[in-house]
């Protein structure tokens, strides 16, 4: 699907203000409500907008630690990747997992109450025998940038 400047304006506004009213959204992007609503529905049907949700402040819930974990599996056959990928679905503390090309097999983002809770998670994963051979822990000391996800400027229709 090709996106034009109005589509990108809609997406940009929604990534900043997900609870904006349809009328206000239309006003912000310079459209009347009906055409804006039609564009929004088109973006949803195309799967560009996957859903809507709230961004929660972890600090409001108390102390926590965010950890990135680079993972190497002990075997590199397709079934071994599937076992690991299915297993990580069952750990709530693991909030994101990316499969990588290059040195590590996966990069996982973990949010835990503290380092002890993080280590207990790793111990459970090692005991579960899900193919985890080595892991490298990188503790987040502070967030520096958090955007709406993808750089919308890369999606512009230049033609």
N, C-alpha and C. Protein backbone atom coordinates (compact mmCIF):
# COMPACT_ATOMS: atom_id res chain seq x y z
N UNK A 1 0.84 -1.18 0.00
CA UNK A 1 0.00 0.00 0.00
C UNK A 1 0.89 1.24 0.00
N UNK A 2 0.60 2.17 -0.87
CA UNK A 2 1.35 3.42 -0.93
C UNK A 2 0.71 4.42 0.01
N UNK A 3 1.55 5.08 0.78
CA UNK A 3 1.06 6.08 1.73
C UNK A 3 1.39 7.47 1.22
N UNK A 4 0.45 8.38 1.36
CA UNK A 4 0.72 9.76 1.00
C UNK A 4 0.91 10.58 2.27
N UNK A 5 1.10 11.88 2.09
CA UNK A 5 1.40 12.75 3.24
C UNK A 5 0.27 12.75 4.26
N UNK A 6 -0.98 12.69 3.82
CA UNK A 6 -2.11 12.69 4.76
C UNK A 6 -2.13 11.40 5.58
N UNK A 7 -1.87 10.27 4.92
CA UNK A 7 -1.80 8.99 5.65
C UNK A 7 -0.72 9.06 6.73
N UNK A 8 0.43 9.59 6.35
CA UNK A 8 1.53 9.71 7.32
C UNK A 8 1.18 10.66 8.45
N UNK A 9 0.46 11.74 8.14
CA UNK A 9 0.01 12.66 9.20
C UNK A 9 -0.93 11.94 10.17
N UNK A 10 -1.82 11.13 9.64
CA UNK A 10 -2.74 10.36 10.50
C UNK A 10 -1.93 9.43 11.40
N UNK A 11 -1.00 8.69 10.82
CA UNK A 11 -0.19 7.75 11.60
C UNK A 11 0.66 8.47 12.64
N UNK A 12 1.27 9.56 12.24
CA UNK A 12 2.12 10.34 13.16
C UNK A 12 1.30 10.84 14.35
N UNK A 13 0.12 11.35 14.08
CA UNK A 13 -0.75 11.86 15.14
C UNK A 13 -1.19 10.74 16.07
N UNK A 14 -1.58 9.61 15.50
CA UNK A 14 -2.05 8.49 16.33
C UNK A 14 -0.94 7.89 17.19
N UNK A 15 0.31 7.89 16.69
CA UNK A 15 1.39 7.33 17.51
C UNK A 15 1.69 8.22 18.71
N UNK A 16 1.38 9.51 18.59
CA UNK A 16 1.58 10.44 19.72
C UNK A 16 0.36 10.51 20.62
N UNK A 17 -0.83 10.44 20.01
CA UNK A 17 -2.07 10.64 20.75
C UNK A 17 -3.11 9.61 20.33
N UNK A 18 -3.00 8.42 20.86
CA UNK A 18 -3.88 7.33 20.48
C UNK A 18 -5.33 7.53 20.86
N UNK A 19 -5.61 8.39 21.83
CA UNK A 19 -6.99 8.60 22.28
C UNK A 19 -7.64 9.83 21.66
N UNK A 20 -7.05 10.38 20.65
CA UNK A 20 -7.60 11.56 20.01
C UNK A 20 -8.96 11.21 19.38
N UNK A 21 -9.90 12.14 19.42
CA UNK A 21 -11.20 11.88 18.80
C UNK A 21 -11.04 11.90 17.28
N UNK A 22 -11.98 11.25 16.62
CA UNK A 22 -11.93 11.21 15.15
C UNK A 22 -12.07 12.61 14.57
N UNK A 23 -12.90 13.43 15.19
CA UNK A 23 -13.08 14.80 14.71
C UNK A 23 -11.80 15.61 14.87
N UNK A 24 -11.14 15.48 16.03
CA UNK A 24 -9.89 16.19 16.26
C UNK A 24 -8.80 15.68 15.32
N UNK A 25 -8.75 14.38 15.09
CA UNK A 25 -7.78 13.81 14.15
C UNK A 25 -7.98 14.40 12.76
N UNK A 26 -9.22 14.45 12.31
CA UNK A 26 -9.52 15.01 10.99
C UNK A 26 -9.07 16.47 10.92
N UNK A 27 -9.33 17.21 11.97
CA UNK A 27 -8.94 18.62 12.02
C UNK A 27 -7.42 18.77 11.96
N UNK A 28 -6.70 17.93 12.70
CA UNK A 28 -5.23 18.01 12.74
C UNK A 28 -4.58 17.72 11.40
N UNK A 29 -5.18 16.80 10.64
CA UNK A 29 -4.56 16.41 9.37
C UNK A 29 -5.16 17.15 8.18
N UNK A 30 -6.09 18.07 8.44
CA UNK A 30 -6.64 18.90 7.38
C UNK A 30 -7.64 18.20 6.48
N UNK A 31 -8.43 17.30 7.05
CA UNK A 31 -9.48 16.61 6.30
C UNK A 31 -10.81 16.78 7.01
N UNK A 32 -11.88 16.58 6.30
CA UNK A 32 -13.17 16.53 6.97
C UNK A 32 -13.30 15.13 7.60
N UNK A 33 -14.20 14.98 8.58
CA UNK A 33 -14.27 13.70 9.32
C UNK A 33 -14.48 12.45 8.47
N UNK A 34 -15.36 12.49 7.49
CA UNK A 34 -15.64 11.27 6.72
C UNK A 34 -14.43 10.79 5.92
N UNK A 35 -13.77 11.63 5.13
CA UNK A 35 -12.57 11.15 4.43
C UNK A 35 -11.46 10.70 5.38
N UNK A 36 -11.33 11.38 6.51
CA UNK A 36 -10.32 10.97 7.49
C UNK A 36 -10.66 9.59 8.03
N UNK A 37 -11.94 9.37 8.37
CA UNK A 37 -12.39 8.08 8.88
C UNK A 37 -12.15 6.98 7.85
N UNK A 38 -12.42 7.26 6.57
CA UNK A 38 -12.20 6.28 5.51
C UNK A 38 -10.73 5.92 5.38
N UNK A 39 -9.85 6.93 5.47
CA UNK A 39 -8.41 6.66 5.42
C UNK A 39 -7.97 5.82 6.62
N UNK A 40 -8.48 6.16 7.80
CA UNK A 40 -8.14 5.42 9.01
C UNK A 40 -8.55 3.96 8.87
N UNK A 41 -9.75 3.72 8.39
CA UNK A 41 -10.23 2.34 8.21
C UNK A 41 -9.37 1.60 7.18
N UNK A 42 -8.96 2.31 6.12
CA UNK A 42 -8.11 1.71 5.08
C UNK A 42 -6.76 1.30 5.69
N UNK A 43 -6.20 2.15 6.54
CA UNK A 43 -4.92 1.84 7.19
C UNK A 43 -5.07 0.63 8.13
N UNK A 44 -6.21 0.54 8.81
CA UNK A 44 -6.46 -0.60 9.69
C UNK A 44 -6.63 -1.89 8.88
N UNK A 45 -7.45 -1.83 7.81
CA UNK A 45 -7.66 -3.03 6.98
C UNK A 45 -6.37 -3.53 6.33
N UNK A 46 -5.48 -2.60 5.98
CA UNK A 46 -4.21 -2.97 5.36
C UNK A 46 -3.22 -3.55 6.37
N UNK A 47 -3.56 -3.49 7.66
CA UNK A 47 -2.67 -4.02 8.69
C UNK A 47 -1.57 -3.07 9.10
N UNK A 48 -1.62 -1.85 8.61
CA UNK A 48 -0.61 -0.86 8.99
C UNK A 48 -0.82 -0.44 10.44
N UNK A 49 -2.07 -0.26 10.82
CA UNK A 49 -2.41 -0.02 12.22
C UNK A 49 -2.82 -1.36 12.80
N UNK A 50 -1.99 -1.90 13.68
CA UNK A 50 -2.25 -3.22 14.24
C UNK A 50 -3.19 -3.18 15.43
N UNK A 51 -3.27 -2.04 16.09
CA UNK A 51 -4.14 -1.94 17.26
C UNK A 51 -3.85 -0.65 18.00
N UNK A 52 -4.57 -0.47 19.09
CA UNK A 52 -4.43 0.72 19.91
C UNK A 52 -4.20 0.29 21.35
N UNK A 53 -3.40 1.03 22.07
CA UNK A 53 -3.14 0.66 23.46
C UNK A 53 -2.54 1.80 24.24
N UNK A 54 -2.47 1.62 25.52
CA UNK A 54 -1.91 2.63 26.40
C UNK A 54 -0.44 2.33 26.66
N UNK A 55 0.37 3.39 26.76
CA UNK A 55 1.76 3.24 27.19
C UNK A 55 1.76 3.41 28.70
N UNK A 56 2.22 2.41 29.40
CA UNK A 56 2.23 2.45 30.85
C UNK A 56 3.57 2.89 31.38
N UNK A 57 3.56 3.60 32.47
CA UNK A 57 4.79 4.02 33.13
C UNK A 57 5.19 2.95 34.14
N UNK A 58 6.27 2.25 33.85
CA UNK A 58 6.73 1.22 34.78
C UNK A 58 7.10 1.83 36.14
N UNK A 59 7.61 3.04 36.13
CA UNK A 59 7.99 3.69 37.38
C UNK A 59 6.81 3.86 38.32
N UNK A 60 5.62 4.04 37.77
CA UNK A 60 4.42 4.21 38.59
C UNK A 60 4.11 2.95 39.39
N UNK A 61 4.60 1.81 38.93
CA UNK A 61 4.33 0.55 39.61
C UNK A 61 5.40 0.18 40.63
N UNK A 62 6.46 0.96 40.68
CA UNK A 62 7.52 0.68 41.63
C UNK A 62 8.82 0.34 40.93
N UNK A 63 9.80 -0.05 41.72
CA UNK A 63 11.12 -0.35 41.14
C UNK A 63 11.05 -1.49 40.11
N UNK A 64 11.91 -1.40 39.14
CA UNK A 64 12.02 -2.45 38.12
C UNK A 64 13.37 -2.30 37.44
N UNK A 65 13.70 -3.30 36.65
CA UNK A 65 14.93 -3.26 35.86
C UNK A 65 14.57 -3.75 34.45
N UNK A 66 15.11 -3.07 33.46
CA UNK A 66 14.97 -3.52 32.08
C UNK A 66 16.32 -4.07 31.65
N UNK A 67 16.29 -5.24 31.05
CA UNK A 67 17.51 -5.94 30.66
C UNK A 67 17.37 -6.39 29.22
N UNK A 68 18.43 -6.20 28.44
CA UNK A 68 18.51 -6.81 27.12
C UNK A 68 19.39 -8.04 27.24
N UNK A 69 18.93 -9.12 26.65
CA UNK A 69 19.64 -10.39 26.74
C UNK A 69 19.93 -10.88 25.32
N UNK A 70 21.20 -10.99 24.99
CA UNK A 70 21.61 -11.57 23.71
C UNK A 70 21.73 -13.08 23.94
N UNK A 71 21.06 -13.85 23.10
CA UNK A 71 20.94 -15.29 23.31
C UNK A 71 21.58 -16.06 22.16
N UNK A 72 22.33 -17.08 22.52
CA UNK A 72 22.83 -18.05 21.54
C UNK A 72 22.21 -19.40 21.86
N UNK A 73 21.72 -20.07 20.84
CA UNK A 73 21.17 -21.40 21.03
C UNK A 73 22.27 -22.45 20.87
N UNK A 74 22.05 -23.61 21.46
CA UNK A 74 23.08 -24.65 21.39
C UNK A 74 23.02 -25.42 20.07
N UNK A 75 21.93 -25.29 19.32
CA UNK A 75 21.80 -25.95 18.02
C UNK A 75 21.09 -25.00 17.07
N UNK A 76 21.38 -25.12 15.79
CA UNK A 76 20.83 -24.19 14.82
C UNK A 76 20.01 -24.88 13.74
N UNK A 77 19.21 -25.84 14.14
CA UNK A 77 18.28 -26.49 13.23
C UNK A 77 16.91 -25.85 13.40
N UNK A 78 16.11 -25.86 12.35
CA UNK A 78 14.80 -25.20 12.38
C UNK A 78 13.95 -25.60 13.59
N UNK A 79 13.90 -26.89 13.95
CA UNK A 79 13.08 -27.25 15.12
C UNK A 79 13.59 -26.61 16.42
N UNK A 80 14.90 -26.40 16.52
CA UNK A 80 15.46 -25.79 17.72
C UNK A 80 15.04 -24.33 17.85
N UNK A 81 14.99 -23.63 16.73
CA UNK A 81 14.52 -22.24 16.74
C UNK A 81 13.05 -22.19 17.15
N UNK A 82 12.25 -23.12 16.60
CA UNK A 82 10.82 -23.15 16.94
C UNK A 82 10.61 -23.43 18.43
N UNK A 83 11.40 -24.34 19.00
CA UNK A 83 11.27 -24.65 20.43
C UNK A 83 11.53 -23.40 21.26
N UNK A 84 12.60 -22.68 20.95
CA UNK A 84 12.92 -21.48 21.71
C UNK A 84 11.83 -20.42 21.53
N UNK A 85 11.42 -20.19 20.30
CA UNK A 85 10.43 -19.15 20.01
C UNK A 85 9.09 -19.45 20.67
N UNK A 86 8.70 -20.70 20.71
CA UNK A 86 7.45 -21.06 21.40
C UNK A 86 7.61 -20.92 22.91
N UNK A 87 8.76 -21.28 23.43
CA UNK A 87 8.99 -21.23 24.87
C UNK A 87 8.95 -19.81 25.41
N UNK A 88 9.56 -18.86 24.69
CA UNK A 88 9.60 -17.49 25.22
C UNK A 88 8.22 -16.86 25.31
N UNK A 89 7.25 -17.40 24.58
CA UNK A 89 5.88 -16.88 24.66
C UNK A 89 5.31 -17.06 26.07
N UNK A 90 5.83 -18.02 26.81
CA UNK A 90 5.30 -18.33 28.15
C UNK A 90 5.93 -17.55 29.30
N UNK A 91 6.85 -16.66 29.01
CA UNK A 91 7.51 -15.87 30.06
C UNK A 91 7.04 -14.42 29.96
N UNK A 92 6.18 -14.02 30.90
CA UNK A 92 5.64 -12.65 30.87
C UNK A 92 6.72 -11.59 30.98
N UNK A 93 7.80 -11.88 31.67
CA UNK A 93 8.87 -10.90 31.85
C UNK A 93 9.58 -10.55 30.55
N UNK A 94 9.51 -11.46 29.58
CA UNK A 94 10.13 -11.21 28.28
C UNK A 94 9.11 -10.44 27.45
N UNK A 95 9.41 -9.16 27.22
CA UNK A 95 8.43 -8.29 26.57
C UNK A 95 8.61 -8.19 25.06
N UNK A 96 9.81 -8.37 24.57
CA UNK A 96 10.08 -8.36 23.13
C UNK A 96 11.18 -9.38 22.84
N UNK A 97 11.10 -10.00 21.67
CA UNK A 97 12.15 -10.92 21.21
C UNK A 97 12.34 -10.68 19.72
N UNK A 98 13.58 -10.51 19.32
CA UNK A 98 13.90 -10.34 17.91
C UNK A 98 14.87 -11.45 17.51
N UNK A 99 14.61 -12.12 16.39
CA UNK A 99 15.56 -13.07 15.81
C UNK A 99 16.58 -12.24 15.04
N UNK A 100 17.86 -12.60 15.18
CA UNK A 100 18.93 -11.81 14.58
C UNK A 100 19.74 -12.64 13.58
N UNK A 101 20.31 -11.94 12.63
CA UNK A 101 21.30 -12.53 11.76
C UNK A 101 22.66 -12.02 12.23
N UNK A 102 23.65 -12.86 12.25
CA UNK A 102 24.96 -12.41 12.72
C UNK A 102 25.39 -13.23 13.92
N UNK A 103 26.00 -12.57 14.89
CA UNK A 103 26.61 -13.27 16.02
C UNK A 103 25.66 -13.94 16.98
N UNK A 104 24.62 -13.25 17.40
CA UNK A 104 23.66 -13.83 18.34
C UNK A 104 22.45 -14.32 17.59
N UNK A 105 21.72 -15.25 18.20
CA UNK A 105 20.50 -15.76 17.56
C UNK A 105 19.28 -14.90 17.85
N UNK A 106 19.20 -14.38 19.08
CA UNK A 106 18.04 -13.58 19.49
C UNK A 106 18.48 -12.44 20.40
N UNK A 107 17.69 -11.39 20.40
CA UNK A 107 17.82 -10.32 21.37
C UNK A 107 16.48 -10.23 22.08
N UNK A 108 16.51 -10.35 23.40
CA UNK A 108 15.29 -10.32 24.20
C UNK A 108 15.30 -9.11 25.11
N UNK A 109 14.15 -8.49 25.25
CA UNK A 109 13.98 -7.43 26.24
C UNK A 109 13.21 -8.02 27.41
N UNK A 110 13.75 -7.84 28.60
CA UNK A 110 13.16 -8.39 29.81
C UNK A 110 12.88 -7.24 30.77
N UNK A 111 11.71 -7.26 31.39
CA UNK A 111 11.39 -6.31 32.46
C UNK A 111 11.11 -7.14 33.70
N UNK A 112 11.87 -6.87 34.76
CA UNK A 112 11.73 -7.62 36.02
C UNK A 112 11.75 -6.66 37.20
N UNK A 113 11.33 -7.14 38.36
CA UNK A 113 11.31 -6.28 39.55
C UNK A 113 12.71 -5.85 39.96
N UNK A 114 13.66 -6.77 39.83
CA UNK A 114 15.04 -6.47 40.22
C UNK A 114 15.95 -7.50 39.57
N UNK A 115 17.24 -7.38 39.82
CA UNK A 115 18.21 -8.29 39.21
C UNK A 115 17.99 -9.72 39.69
N UNK A 116 17.63 -9.90 40.95
CA UNK A 116 17.36 -11.25 41.44
C UNK A 116 16.22 -11.90 40.66
N UNK A 117 15.15 -11.16 40.41
CA UNK A 117 14.02 -11.70 39.64
C UNK A 117 14.46 -12.03 38.21
N UNK A 118 15.30 -11.18 37.64
CA UNK A 118 15.82 -11.45 36.31
C UNK A 118 16.62 -12.76 36.32
N UNK A 119 17.49 -12.93 37.31
CA UNK A 119 18.32 -14.14 37.37
C UNK A 119 17.46 -15.38 37.58
N UNK A 120 16.38 -15.26 38.34
CA UNK A 120 15.48 -16.40 38.52
C UNK A 120 14.83 -16.78 37.18
N UNK A 121 14.49 -15.78 36.38
CA UNK A 121 13.95 -16.05 35.04
C UNK A 121 14.96 -16.83 34.21
N UNK A 122 16.19 -16.36 34.18
CA UNK A 122 17.23 -17.05 33.41
C UNK A 122 17.41 -18.48 33.92
N UNK A 123 17.43 -18.66 35.22
CA UNK A 123 17.57 -20.01 35.79
C UNK A 123 16.42 -20.91 35.33
N UNK A 124 15.19 -20.38 35.33
CA UNK A 124 14.04 -21.17 34.87
C UNK A 124 14.19 -21.53 33.39
N UNK A 125 14.68 -20.59 32.60
CA UNK A 125 14.87 -20.87 31.18
C UNK A 125 15.93 -21.93 30.95
N UNK A 126 17.02 -21.87 31.73
CA UNK A 126 18.07 -22.88 31.60
C UNK A 126 17.57 -24.26 32.03
N UNK A 127 16.80 -24.30 33.09
CA UNK A 127 16.26 -25.58 33.57
C UNK A 127 15.23 -26.14 32.61
N UNK A 128 14.55 -25.29 31.86
CA UNK A 128 13.50 -25.74 30.94
C UNK A 128 14.06 -26.42 29.70
N UNK A 129 15.34 -26.30 29.49
CA UNK A 129 15.99 -26.93 28.34
C UNK A 129 15.32 -26.53 27.02
N UNK A 130 15.32 -25.24 26.77
CA UNK A 130 14.73 -24.71 25.55
C UNK A 130 15.79 -24.36 24.50
N UNK A 131 16.99 -24.86 24.71
CA UNK A 131 18.06 -24.67 23.74
C UNK A 131 18.99 -23.51 24.04
N UNK A 132 18.83 -22.88 25.18
CA UNK A 132 19.66 -21.72 25.55
C UNK A 132 21.06 -22.21 25.90
N UNK A 133 22.03 -21.85 25.05
CA UNK A 133 23.42 -22.27 25.29
C UNK A 133 24.17 -21.20 26.07
N UNK A 134 24.08 -19.95 25.61
CA UNK A 134 24.77 -18.83 26.25
C UNK A 134 23.86 -17.62 26.22
N UNK A 135 24.04 -16.77 27.21
CA UNK A 135 23.30 -15.52 27.21
C UNK A 135 24.20 -14.41 27.73
N UNK A 136 23.96 -13.23 27.23
CA UNK A 136 24.76 -12.06 27.60
C UNK A 136 23.79 -10.99 28.08
N UNK A 137 24.02 -10.49 29.27
CA UNK A 137 23.11 -9.57 29.94
C UNK A 137 23.58 -8.13 29.80
N UNK A 138 22.67 -7.27 29.38
CA UNK A 138 22.94 -5.83 29.26
C UNK A 138 21.85 -5.09 30.02
N UNK A 139 22.20 -4.48 31.14
CA UNK A 139 21.24 -3.80 31.99
C UNK A 139 21.05 -2.37 31.51
N UNK A 140 19.80 -1.97 31.34
CA UNK A 140 19.48 -0.60 30.92
C UNK A 140 19.65 0.32 32.12
N UNK A 141 20.48 1.34 31.98
CA UNK A 141 20.70 2.29 33.07
C UNK A 141 19.76 3.49 32.99
N UNK A 142 19.33 3.85 31.77
CA UNK A 142 18.33 4.90 31.61
C UNK A 142 17.80 4.88 30.18
N UNK A 143 16.54 5.20 30.01
CA UNK A 143 16.02 5.33 28.65
C UNK A 143 16.51 6.64 28.05
N UNK A 144 16.87 6.61 26.78
CA UNK A 144 17.37 7.80 26.11
C UNK A 144 16.38 8.29 25.04
N UNK A 145 15.79 7.36 24.30
CA UNK A 145 14.82 7.73 23.27
C UNK A 145 13.78 6.64 23.14
N UNK A 146 12.54 7.05 23.04
CA UNK A 146 11.44 6.13 22.79
C UNK A 146 10.50 6.80 21.81
N UNK A 147 10.38 6.23 20.62
CA UNK A 147 9.53 6.83 19.60
C UNK A 147 8.28 6.00 19.43
N UNK A 148 7.50 6.34 18.44
CA UNK A 148 6.27 5.60 18.16
C UNK A 148 6.53 4.27 17.47
N UNK A 149 7.74 3.89 17.28
CA UNK A 149 8.02 2.61 16.67
C UNK A 149 8.84 2.72 15.40
N UNK A 150 8.18 2.91 14.26
CA UNK A 150 8.90 2.95 13.01
C UNK A 150 9.06 4.39 12.53
N UNK A 151 10.14 4.68 11.81
CA UNK A 151 10.33 6.05 11.28
C UNK A 151 9.40 6.27 10.09
N UNK A 152 8.32 6.99 10.33
CA UNK A 152 7.31 7.19 9.29
C UNK A 152 7.83 7.90 8.06
N UNK A 153 8.87 8.70 8.20
CA UNK A 153 9.42 9.42 7.05
C UNK A 153 9.95 8.45 5.99
N UNK A 154 10.31 7.24 6.39
CA UNK A 154 10.79 6.25 5.42
C UNK A 154 9.68 5.68 4.56
N UNK A 155 8.43 5.87 4.99
CA UNK A 155 7.30 5.30 4.27
C UNK A 155 6.67 6.25 3.28
N UNK A 156 7.17 7.47 3.22
CA UNK A 156 6.55 8.48 2.36
C UNK A 156 6.59 8.06 0.91
N UNK A 157 5.54 8.41 0.19
CA UNK A 157 5.45 8.15 -1.24
C UNK A 157 6.22 9.23 -1.97
N UNK A 158 7.43 8.89 -2.44
CA UNK A 158 8.27 9.88 -3.11
C UNK A 158 7.94 10.03 -4.59
N UNK A 159 7.06 9.17 -5.10
CA UNK A 159 6.78 9.18 -6.54
C UNK A 159 5.62 10.00 -6.82
